Amino acid sequence: MAVTATCYAQAVMALGVGGFDFASDTFKVMLTTAGYTPNELTDEFVTDLGSEVIGTGYTAGGLTLTGVTWTYDVAVECGSLRCDPAVWTAAGFTAARYAVVYQSTGSDATSRLLLYVDFEFDKSPGGADFVMDWTAEGFLQAYN
């Protein structure tokens, strides 16, 4: 299964003007159902989202990402944004379709969306751990 990640256009613009500090900002990953229709051109803040999953093992607003780092690999001329795996323990939610990574400011109106991952079909962990283990390359890459 190919899982795709897509950056929001406003996040790309914010990257260009220093709108993110990957060393000190808080980043979260929120899960939504297929009821949310991503629009990478116009969605900008958490208030633009809808249909967040509900269920055991899931807290509204999602999980705070840990180990967030921005690195540059000179050999392949690529910058990568990485973090530790996100784990929802004993998750009983149903129908997670998208994972949305965002910069959390404490207010949904100013918490900027960074990217979303399309699982391509609904995911229901059925009480098991639900793990998003980012690849070794990271979840966002920028090539020179």
N, C-alpha and C. Protein backbone atom coordinates (compact mmCIF):
# COMPACT_ATOMS: atom_id res chain seq x y z
N MET A 1 0.83 -1.18 0.00
CA MET A 1 0.00 0.00 0.00
C MET A 1 0.87 1.24 0.00
N ALA A 2 0.64 2.13 -0.91
CA ALA A 2 1.37 3.39 -0.97
C ALA A 2 0.64 4.43 -0.14
N VAL A 3 1.29 4.96 0.86
CA VAL A 3 0.70 6.01 1.68
C VAL A 3 1.33 7.32 1.23
N THR A 4 0.48 8.29 0.95
CA THR A 4 0.98 9.56 0.46
C THR A 4 0.84 10.66 1.50
N ALA A 5 1.78 11.59 1.48
CA ALA A 5 1.71 12.77 2.34
C ALA A 5 1.70 13.98 1.44
N THR A 6 0.87 14.94 1.80
CA THR A 6 0.72 16.15 1.00
C THR A 6 0.86 17.37 1.90
N CYS A 7 1.69 18.32 1.50
CA CYS A 7 1.84 19.57 2.25
C CYS A 7 0.70 20.52 1.90
N TYR A 8 0.27 21.28 2.88
CA TYR A 8 -0.70 22.35 2.65
C TYR A 8 0.04 23.54 2.05
N ALA A 9 -0.55 24.20 1.07
CA ALA A 9 0.10 25.31 0.37
C ALA A 9 0.49 26.44 1.31
N GLN A 10 -0.37 26.75 2.27
CA GLN A 10 -0.05 27.84 3.20
C GLN A 10 1.13 27.48 4.10
N ALA A 11 1.31 26.19 4.36
CA ALA A 11 2.47 25.76 5.15
C ALA A 11 3.75 25.95 4.37
N VAL A 12 3.70 25.66 3.07
CA VAL A 12 4.88 25.87 2.22
C VAL A 12 5.24 27.35 2.22
N MET A 13 4.23 28.20 2.13
CA MET A 13 4.48 29.64 2.18
C MET A 13 5.09 30.05 3.52
N ALA A 14 4.56 29.48 4.61
CA ALA A 14 5.07 29.79 5.95
C ALA A 14 6.52 29.32 6.12
N LEU A 15 6.86 28.17 5.51
CA LEU A 15 8.24 27.70 5.55
C LEU A 15 9.18 28.73 4.96
N GLY A 16 8.74 29.36 3.89
CA GLY A 16 9.57 30.33 3.18
C GLY A 16 9.84 31.60 3.97
N VAL A 17 9.00 31.90 4.95
CA VAL A 17 9.19 33.13 5.73
C VAL A 17 9.47 32.84 7.20
N GLY A 18 9.91 31.61 7.49
CA GLY A 18 10.29 31.26 8.86
C GLY A 18 9.11 31.06 9.79
N GLY A 19 7.98 30.60 9.28
CA GLY A 19 6.79 30.42 10.09
C GLY A 19 6.81 29.22 11.01
N PHE A 20 7.82 28.37 10.90
CA PHE A 20 7.94 27.20 11.77
C PHE A 20 9.33 27.18 12.40
N ASP A 21 9.38 26.83 13.68
CA ASP A 21 10.65 26.62 14.36
C ASP A 21 10.63 25.16 14.83
N PHE A 22 11.27 24.29 14.07
CA PHE A 22 11.21 22.86 14.36
C PHE A 22 11.95 22.48 15.63
N ALA A 23 12.76 23.38 16.16
CA ALA A 23 13.48 23.10 17.40
C ALA A 23 12.63 23.43 18.63
N SER A 24 11.68 24.37 18.51
CA SER A 24 10.95 24.77 19.71
C SER A 24 9.42 24.76 19.59
N ASP A 25 8.86 24.75 18.40
CA ASP A 25 7.40 24.70 18.25
C ASP A 25 6.87 23.33 18.67
N THR A 26 5.62 23.29 19.05
CA THR A 26 4.94 22.03 19.36
C THR A 26 4.19 21.58 18.12
N PHE A 27 4.42 20.33 17.73
CA PHE A 27 3.73 19.75 16.57
C PHE A 27 2.89 18.57 17.04
N LYS A 28 1.71 18.44 16.46
CA LYS A 28 0.80 17.35 16.81
C LYS A 28 0.35 16.64 15.54
N VAL A 29 -0.17 15.42 15.74
CA VAL A 29 -0.80 14.69 14.64
C VAL A 29 -2.21 14.33 15.09
N MET A 30 -3.17 14.74 14.28
CA MET A 30 -4.59 14.52 14.54
C MET A 30 -5.14 13.55 13.50
N LEU A 31 -6.04 12.68 13.91
CA LEU A 31 -6.67 11.76 12.98
C LEU A 31 -8.08 12.23 12.64
N THR A 32 -8.43 12.15 11.35
CA THR A 32 -9.78 12.51 10.92
C THR A 32 -10.39 11.35 10.15
N THR A 33 -11.70 11.39 10.01
CA THR A 33 -12.41 10.39 9.22
C THR A 33 -12.48 10.86 7.77
N ALA A 34 -13.07 10.05 6.92
CA ALA A 34 -13.26 10.42 5.51
C ALA A 34 -14.25 11.56 5.37
N GLY A 35 -14.92 11.95 6.46
CA GLY A 35 -15.82 13.10 6.44
C GLY A 35 -15.08 14.41 6.20
N TYR A 36 -13.78 14.42 6.47
CA TYR A 36 -12.94 15.60 6.16
C TYR A 36 -12.43 15.43 4.74
N THR A 37 -12.63 16.44 3.94
CA THR A 37 -12.11 16.45 2.57
C THR A 37 -10.96 17.44 2.52
N PRO A 38 -9.72 16.95 2.50
CA PRO A 38 -8.57 17.87 2.50
C PRO A 38 -8.56 18.75 1.25
N ASN A 39 -8.23 20.01 1.48
CA ASN A 39 -8.01 20.94 0.38
C ASN A 39 -6.67 21.60 0.66
N GLU A 40 -5.62 21.05 0.05
CA GLU A 40 -4.27 21.54 0.35
C GLU A 40 -4.04 22.97 -0.12
N LEU A 41 -4.91 23.48 -0.98
CA LEU A 41 -4.75 24.86 -1.47
C LEU A 41 -5.36 25.88 -0.53
N THR A 42 -6.43 25.53 0.19
CA THR A 42 -7.11 26.53 1.01
C THR A 42 -7.11 26.24 2.51
N ASP A 43 -7.01 24.98 2.92
CA ASP A 43 -6.99 24.68 4.36
C ASP A 43 -5.69 25.21 4.95
N GLU A 44 -5.83 25.93 6.08
CA GLU A 44 -4.65 26.56 6.66
C GLU A 44 -4.50 26.32 8.17
N PHE A 45 -5.62 26.30 8.88
CA PHE A 45 -5.58 26.16 10.34
C PHE A 45 -6.46 24.99 10.79
N VAL A 46 -6.28 24.55 12.02
CA VAL A 46 -7.05 23.43 12.56
C VAL A 46 -8.56 23.70 12.43
N THR A 47 -8.98 24.95 12.50
CA THR A 47 -10.40 25.28 12.36
C THR A 47 -10.93 24.89 10.97
N ASP A 48 -10.06 24.66 10.00
CA ASP A 48 -10.48 24.23 8.67
C ASP A 48 -10.74 22.73 8.59
N LEU A 49 -10.35 22.02 9.62
CA LEU A 49 -10.54 20.56 9.63
C LEU A 49 -11.95 20.23 10.11
N GLY A 50 -12.32 19.01 9.90
CA GLY A 50 -13.59 18.51 10.42
C GLY A 50 -13.48 17.02 10.59
N SER A 51 -14.46 16.44 11.24
CA SER A 51 -14.58 14.99 11.35
C SER A 51 -13.40 14.32 12.04
N GLU A 52 -12.96 14.85 13.16
CA GLU A 52 -11.90 14.20 13.93
C GLU A 52 -12.43 12.88 14.47
N VAL A 53 -11.58 11.86 14.52
CA VAL A 53 -12.01 10.57 15.05
C VAL A 53 -12.36 10.70 16.53
N ILE A 54 -13.19 9.80 16.99
CA ILE A 54 -13.61 9.74 18.40
C ILE A 54 -13.52 8.29 18.83
N GLY A 55 -13.06 8.06 20.04
CA GLY A 55 -13.04 6.69 20.55
C GLY A 55 -12.01 6.51 21.64
N THR A 56 -11.97 5.31 22.19
CA THR A 56 -11.02 5.02 23.26
C THR A 56 -9.59 5.04 22.72
N GLY A 57 -8.70 5.51 23.56
CA GLY A 57 -7.29 5.57 23.17
C GLY A 57 -6.96 6.78 22.32
N TYR A 58 -7.94 7.65 22.09
CA TYR A 58 -7.71 8.84 21.27
C TYR A 58 -8.17 10.07 22.05
N THR A 59 -7.33 11.09 22.08
CA THR A 59 -7.65 12.36 22.73
C THR A 59 -7.86 13.42 21.68
N ALA A 60 -8.91 14.20 21.83
CA ALA A 60 -9.20 15.28 20.88
C ALA A 60 -7.97 16.16 20.70
N GLY A 61 -7.68 16.50 19.46
CA GLY A 61 -6.50 17.30 19.14
C GLY A 61 -5.31 16.46 18.73
N GLY A 62 -5.38 15.15 19.01
CA GLY A 62 -4.30 14.26 18.59
C GLY A 62 -3.15 14.17 19.59
N LEU A 63 -2.06 13.61 19.10
CA LEU A 63 -0.86 13.40 19.91
C LEU A 63 0.21 14.45 19.63
N THR A 64 0.94 14.82 20.67
CA THR A 64 2.10 15.69 20.49
C THR A 64 3.25 14.85 19.94
N LEU A 65 3.85 15.30 18.87
CA LEU A 65 4.99 14.60 18.28
C LEU A 65 6.24 14.88 19.11
N THR A 66 7.04 13.86 19.31
CA THR A 66 8.28 14.01 20.07
C THR A 66 9.46 13.74 19.15
N GLY A 67 10.61 14.24 19.55
CA GLY A 67 11.83 14.00 18.78
C GLY A 67 11.83 14.68 17.42
N VAL A 68 11.11 15.79 17.30
CA VAL A 68 11.03 16.49 16.01
C VAL A 68 12.37 17.15 15.70
N THR A 69 12.93 16.80 14.53
CA THR A 69 14.20 17.38 14.10
C THR A 69 14.17 17.67 12.61
N TRP A 70 14.86 18.70 12.22
CA TRP A 70 15.06 19.04 10.82
C TRP A 70 16.55 18.83 10.55
N THR A 71 16.86 17.94 9.61
CA THR A 71 18.26 17.66 9.30
C THR A 71 18.49 17.81 7.80
N TYR A 72 19.74 18.00 7.44
CA TYR A 72 20.11 18.10 6.03
C TYR A 72 21.19 17.08 5.74
N ASP A 73 20.95 16.24 4.75
CA ASP A 73 21.90 15.21 4.34
C ASP A 73 22.65 15.73 3.11
N VAL A 74 23.91 16.08 3.28
CA VAL A 74 24.71 16.65 2.21
C VAL A 74 24.88 15.67 1.06
N ALA A 75 25.01 14.38 1.36
CA ALA A 75 25.26 13.37 0.33
C ALA A 75 24.14 13.30 -0.70
N VAL A 76 22.90 13.44 -0.26
CA VAL A 76 21.78 13.37 -1.21
C VAL A 76 21.11 14.73 -1.42
N GLU A 77 21.68 15.76 -0.80
CA GLU A 77 21.17 17.13 -0.91
C GLU A 77 19.69 17.20 -0.58
N CYS A 78 19.34 16.70 0.62
CA CYS A 78 17.94 16.64 1.00
C CYS A 78 17.78 17.00 2.48
N GLY A 79 16.84 17.87 2.76
CA GLY A 79 16.45 18.17 4.13
C GLY A 79 15.29 17.28 4.52
N SER A 80 15.27 16.79 5.76
CA SER A 80 14.21 15.90 6.21
C SER A 80 13.69 16.31 7.58
N LEU A 81 12.38 16.29 7.72
CA LEU A 81 11.73 16.50 9.00
C LEU A 81 11.38 15.13 9.55
N ARG A 82 11.89 14.84 10.74
CA ARG A 82 11.69 13.52 11.35
C ARG A 82 11.10 13.68 12.75
N CYS A 83 10.52 12.59 13.24
CA CYS A 83 10.06 12.54 14.62
C CYS A 83 9.93 11.08 15.06
N ASP A 84 9.71 10.89 16.35
CA ASP A 84 9.48 9.55 16.88
C ASP A 84 8.12 9.03 16.40
N PRO A 85 7.92 7.72 16.42
CA PRO A 85 6.60 7.19 16.04
C PRO A 85 5.50 7.75 16.94
N ALA A 86 4.33 7.95 16.36
CA ALA A 86 3.13 8.35 17.12
C ALA A 86 2.36 7.07 17.42
N VAL A 87 2.03 6.87 18.70
CA VAL A 87 1.37 5.62 19.11
C VAL A 87 0.12 5.94 19.93
N TRP A 88 -1.02 5.46 19.45
CA TRP A 88 -2.26 5.50 20.20
C TRP A 88 -2.42 4.11 20.80
N THR A 89 -2.35 4.00 22.14
CA THR A 89 -2.36 2.73 22.82
C THR A 89 -3.78 2.21 23.02
N ALA A 90 -3.97 0.91 22.76
CA ALA A 90 -5.28 0.25 22.92
C ALA A 90 -6.38 1.09 22.28
N ALA A 91 -6.17 1.46 21.04
CA ALA A 91 -7.06 2.39 20.33
C ALA A 91 -8.36 1.73 19.89
N GLY A 92 -9.47 2.33 20.28
CA GLY A 92 -10.77 1.80 19.93
C GLY A 92 -11.56 2.70 19.00
N PHE A 93 -10.90 3.62 18.34
CA PHE A 93 -11.61 4.49 17.39
C PHE A 93 -11.82 3.75 16.07
N THR A 94 -12.74 4.26 15.28
CA THR A 94 -13.02 3.64 13.98
C THR A 94 -12.85 4.65 12.87
N ALA A 95 -12.54 4.15 11.71
CA ALA A 95 -12.57 4.90 10.46
C ALA A 95 -11.60 6.08 10.38
N ALA A 96 -10.36 5.92 10.84
CA ALA A 96 -9.36 6.97 10.64
C ALA A 96 -8.92 6.93 9.18
N ARG A 97 -9.08 8.02 8.47
CA ARG A 97 -8.73 8.06 7.04
C ARG A 97 -7.51 8.93 6.79
N TYR A 98 -7.36 10.02 7.57
CA TYR A 98 -6.25 10.95 7.37
C TYR A 98 -5.55 11.22 8.70
N ALA A 99 -4.26 11.47 8.63
CA ALA A 99 -3.48 11.97 9.76
C ALA A 99 -2.99 13.35 9.36
N VAL A 100 -3.28 14.34 10.18
CA VAL A 100 -2.92 15.72 9.88
C VAL A 100 -1.87 16.19 10.88
N VAL A 101 -0.72 16.61 10.39
CA VAL A 101 0.34 17.15 11.23
C VAL A 101 0.19 18.66 11.23
N TYR A 102 0.21 19.24 12.44
CA TYR A 102 0.06 20.69 12.54
C TYR A 102 0.90 21.26 13.66
N GLN A 103 1.14 22.56 13.55
CA GLN A 103 1.89 23.33 14.54
C GLN A 103 0.88 23.80 15.58
N SER A 104 0.97 23.30 16.80
CA SER A 104 0.00 23.63 17.83
C SER A 104 0.41 24.89 18.59
N THR A 105 -0.49 25.88 18.59
CA THR A 105 -0.26 27.12 19.32
C THR A 105 -1.11 27.19 20.58
N GLY A 106 -2.01 26.21 20.75
CA GLY A 106 -2.95 26.24 21.86
C GLY A 106 -4.31 26.77 21.43
N SER A 107 -4.39 27.32 20.23
CA SER A 107 -5.65 27.82 19.69
C SER A 107 -5.84 27.24 18.29
N ASP A 108 -6.98 26.60 18.05
CA ASP A 108 -7.24 26.02 16.74
C ASP A 108 -7.22 27.07 15.63
N ALA A 109 -7.58 28.30 15.96
CA ALA A 109 -7.64 29.37 14.96
C ALA A 109 -6.27 29.81 14.47
N THR A 110 -5.22 29.52 15.24
CA THR A 110 -3.87 29.92 14.84
C THR A 110 -2.91 28.75 14.69
N SER A 111 -3.41 27.53 14.91
CA SER A 111 -2.57 26.32 14.78
C SER A 111 -2.51 25.94 13.30
N ARG A 112 -1.35 26.17 12.70
CA ARG A 112 -1.16 26.03 11.25
C ARG A 112 -0.97 24.57 10.83
N LEU A 113 -1.72 24.17 9.80
CA LEU A 113 -1.60 22.83 9.23
C LEU A 113 -0.29 22.72 8.45
N LEU A 114 0.40 21.61 8.59
CA LEU A 114 1.66 21.39 7.88
C LEU A 114 1.46 20.40 6.73
N LEU A 115 0.94 19.22 7.03
CA LEU A 115 0.74 18.21 5.99
C LEU A 115 -0.30 17.20 6.45
N TYR A 116 -0.78 16.43 5.48
CA TYR A 116 -1.67 15.33 5.84
C TYR A 116 -1.24 14.06 5.13
N VAL A 117 -1.52 12.94 5.77
CA VAL A 117 -1.24 11.62 5.22
C VAL A 117 -2.58 10.98 4.90
N ASP A 118 -2.72 10.50 3.68
CA ASP A 118 -3.92 9.80 3.24
C ASP A 118 -3.67 8.30 3.37
N PHE A 119 -4.42 7.64 4.25
CA PHE A 119 -4.25 6.19 4.43
C PHE A 119 -4.85 5.39 3.26
N GLU A 120 -5.58 6.05 2.40
CA GLU A 120 -6.23 5.48 1.21
C GLU A 120 -7.46 4.63 1.52
N PHE A 121 -7.62 4.22 2.76
CA PHE A 121 -8.85 3.56 3.19
C PHE A 121 -8.95 3.74 4.71
N ASP A 122 -10.14 3.52 5.27
CA ASP A 122 -10.35 3.71 6.70
C ASP A 122 -9.56 2.70 7.52
N LYS A 123 -8.96 3.19 8.60
CA LYS A 123 -8.20 2.35 9.52
C LYS A 123 -8.95 2.27 10.85
N SER A 124 -9.16 1.08 11.33
CA SER A 124 -9.82 0.84 12.62
C SER A 124 -8.99 -0.16 13.40
N PRO A 125 -8.27 0.29 14.46
CA PRO A 125 -7.36 -0.61 15.16
C PRO A 125 -8.03 -1.67 16.03
N GLY A 126 -9.31 -1.52 16.35
CA GLY A 126 -10.02 -2.56 17.09
C GLY A 126 -9.44 -2.89 18.46
N GLY A 127 -8.93 -1.90 19.17
CA GLY A 127 -8.38 -2.11 20.50
C GLY A 127 -6.88 -2.36 20.55
N ALA A 128 -6.27 -2.54 19.39
CA ALA A 128 -4.81 -2.71 19.33
C ALA A 128 -4.15 -1.33 19.30
N ASP A 129 -2.83 -1.30 19.45
CA ASP A 129 -2.10 -0.04 19.30
C ASP A 129 -2.15 0.40 17.85
N PHE A 130 -2.32 1.69 17.64
CA PHE A 130 -2.30 2.27 16.29
C PHE A 130 -1.02 3.08 16.21
N VAL A 131 -0.12 2.69 15.31
CA VAL A 131 1.22 3.28 15.26
C VAL A 131 1.46 3.93 13.91
N MET A 132 1.94 5.18 13.96
CA MET A 132 2.43 5.85 12.76
C MET A 132 3.94 5.93 12.92
N ASP A 133 4.63 5.05 12.25
CA ASP A 133 6.08 4.98 12.34
C ASP A 133 6.64 5.63 11.09
N TRP A 134 7.08 6.85 11.21
CA TRP A 134 7.58 7.63 10.08
C TRP A 134 8.80 6.91 9.50
N THR A 135 8.95 6.96 8.21
CA THR A 135 10.06 6.29 7.55
C THR A 135 11.40 6.90 7.96
N ALA A 136 12.45 6.19 7.68
CA ALA A 136 13.80 6.68 8.00
C ALA A 136 14.09 7.99 7.28
N GLU A 137 13.41 8.22 6.16
CA GLU A 137 13.62 9.46 5.40
C GLU A 137 12.89 10.64 6.01
N GLY A 138 11.99 10.40 6.96
CA GLY A 138 11.23 11.48 7.57
C GLY A 138 9.87 11.62 6.91
N PHE A 139 9.04 12.52 7.47
CA PHE A 139 7.71 12.66 6.91
C PHE A 139 7.60 13.89 6.02
N LEU A 140 8.64 14.67 5.93
CA LEU A 140 8.67 15.80 4.99
C LEU A 140 10.10 15.92 4.48
N GLN A 141 10.23 15.98 3.18
CA GLN A 141 11.57 16.11 2.58
C GLN A 141 11.61 17.28 1.61
N ALA A 142 12.74 17.94 1.57
CA ALA A 142 12.95 19.04 0.63
C ALA A 142 14.29 18.81 -0.06
N TYR A 143 14.23 18.58 -1.36
CA TYR A 143 15.45 18.33 -2.12
C TYR A 143 16.02 19.61 -2.69
N ASN A 144 17.35 19.65 -2.77
CA ASN A 144 18.05 20.79 -3.34
C ASN A 144 18.03 20.71 -4.84
